């Protein structure tokens, strides 16, 4: 499953979210993390509908906010893993 992280290099909150995601992905080989630097990917960011950082995107669903705790991130990912598992086989 692909996880996109929209961030800026100067954002301390983005750094914390990035570290949390890297730990999660390191222990889950079925997850793929793509980090998108908003400042150098303005068109892609706009096209994705991203208006604030940090933002985590899986499919068409996003998780964003001033404070994204590791627990919130885990729940967001788990929700999507369950959705993928319950799909048609």
Protein backbone atom coordinates (compact mmCIF):
# COMPACT_ATOMS: atom_id res chain seq x y z
CA UNK A 1 0.00 0.00 0.00
CA UNK A 2 1.34 3.42 -0.94
CA UNK A 3 1.45 6.22 1.62
CA UNK A 4 2.19 9.76 0.48
CA UNK A 5 3.57 12.35 2.92
CA UNK A 6 3.26 15.98 1.85
CA UNK A 7 5.72 18.11 3.80
CA UNK A 8 8.18 20.97 3.74
CA UNK A 9 11.79 20.70 4.80
CA UNK A 10 11.45 23.61 7.26
CA UNK A 11 8.41 22.25 9.11
CA UNK A 12 9.31 20.68 12.48
CA UNK A 13 5.91 18.94 12.67
CA UNK A 14 6.60 17.42 9.25
CA UNK A 15 9.89 16.02 10.53
CA UNK A 16 8.16 14.29 13.45
CA UNK A 17 5.51 12.79 11.17
CA UNK A 18 8.18 11.70 8.70
CA UNK A 19 10.13 9.91 11.44
CA UNK A 20 6.99 8.17 12.70
CA UNK A 21 6.08 7.02 9.19
CA UNK A 22 9.61 5.78 8.49
CA UNK A 23 9.45 3.60 11.63
CA UNK A 24 6.08 2.17 10.62
CA UNK A 25 7.19 1.44 7.06
CA UNK A 26 10.46 -0.12 8.24
CA UNK A 27 8.45 -2.79 10.10
CA UNK A 28 5.84 -3.29 7.37
CA UNK A 29 7.30 -4.43 4.04
CA UNK A 30 3.89 -4.16 2.35
CA UNK A 31 3.87 -0.38 2.91
CA UNK A 32 5.57 2.08 0.57
CA UNK A 33 6.29 5.66 1.66
CA UNK A 34 6.64 8.49 -0.84
CA UNK A 35 7.65 11.88 0.55
CA UNK A 36 6.55 14.86 -1.51
CA UNK A 37 8.32 18.17 -0.86
CA UNK A 38 5.55 20.74 -1.31
CA UNK A 39 7.88 23.64 -2.17
CA UNK A 40 9.29 21.83 -5.21
CA UNK A 41 6.10 20.02 -6.25
CA UNK A 42 3.50 22.80 -6.21
CA UNK A 43 1.42 21.52 -9.13
CA UNK A 44 1.27 17.97 -7.80
CA UNK A 45 0.37 19.26 -4.35
CA UNK A 46 -2.38 21.48 -5.71
CA UNK A 47 -3.71 18.69 -7.93
CA UNK A 48 -3.86 16.39 -4.89
CA UNK A 49 -5.91 19.00 -3.02
CA UNK A 50 -3.31 19.42 -0.28
CA UNK A 51 -3.61 22.76 1.53
CA UNK A 52 -1.58 22.24 4.69
CA UNK A 53 1.40 20.26 5.93
CA UNK A 54 2.01 17.72 7.20
CA UNK A 55 -0.56 15.69 5.27
CA UNK A 56 -0.61 11.93 4.88
CA UNK A 57 -2.53 10.62 1.89
CA UNK A 58 -3.61 7.07 1.18
CA UNK A 59 -5.71 6.75 -1.94
CA UNK A 60 -8.19 9.61 -1.83
CA UNK A 61 -8.22 9.83 1.98
CA UNK A 62 -6.06 12.32 3.90
CA UNK A 63 -4.93 12.81 7.46
CA UNK A 64 -3.77 16.31 8.31
CA UNK A 65 -3.56 18.56 11.31
CA UNK A 66 -1.33 20.66 13.49
CA UNK A 67 -0.55 17.68 15.70
CA UNK A 68 -0.37 14.20 14.17
CA UNK A 69 0.62 11.76 16.88
CA UNK A 70 2.11 8.35 16.12
CA UNK A 71 -1.12 6.83 17.44
CA UNK A 72 -3.23 8.86 14.99
CA UNK A 73 -0.93 7.84 12.14
CA UNK A 74 -1.12 4.15 13.11
CA UNK A 75 -4.92 4.28 13.25
CA UNK A 76 -5.12 5.96 9.85
CA UNK A 77 -2.89 3.34 8.26
CA UNK A 78 -4.64 0.43 10.02
CA UNK A 79 -8.01 1.67 8.77
CA UNK A 80 -6.75 1.51 5.20
CA UNK A 81 -5.12 -1.87 5.69
CA UNK A 82 -8.46 -3.24 6.94
CA UNK A 83 -10.27 -1.66 4.00
CA UNK A 84 -7.81 -3.33 1.61
CA UNK A 85 -8.21 -6.71 3.35
CA UNK A 86 -12.01 -6.60 3.14
CA UNK A 87 -12.05 -5.83 -0.60
CA UNK A 88 -13.00 -8.34 -3.28
CA UNK A 89 -10.72 -11.33 -3.70
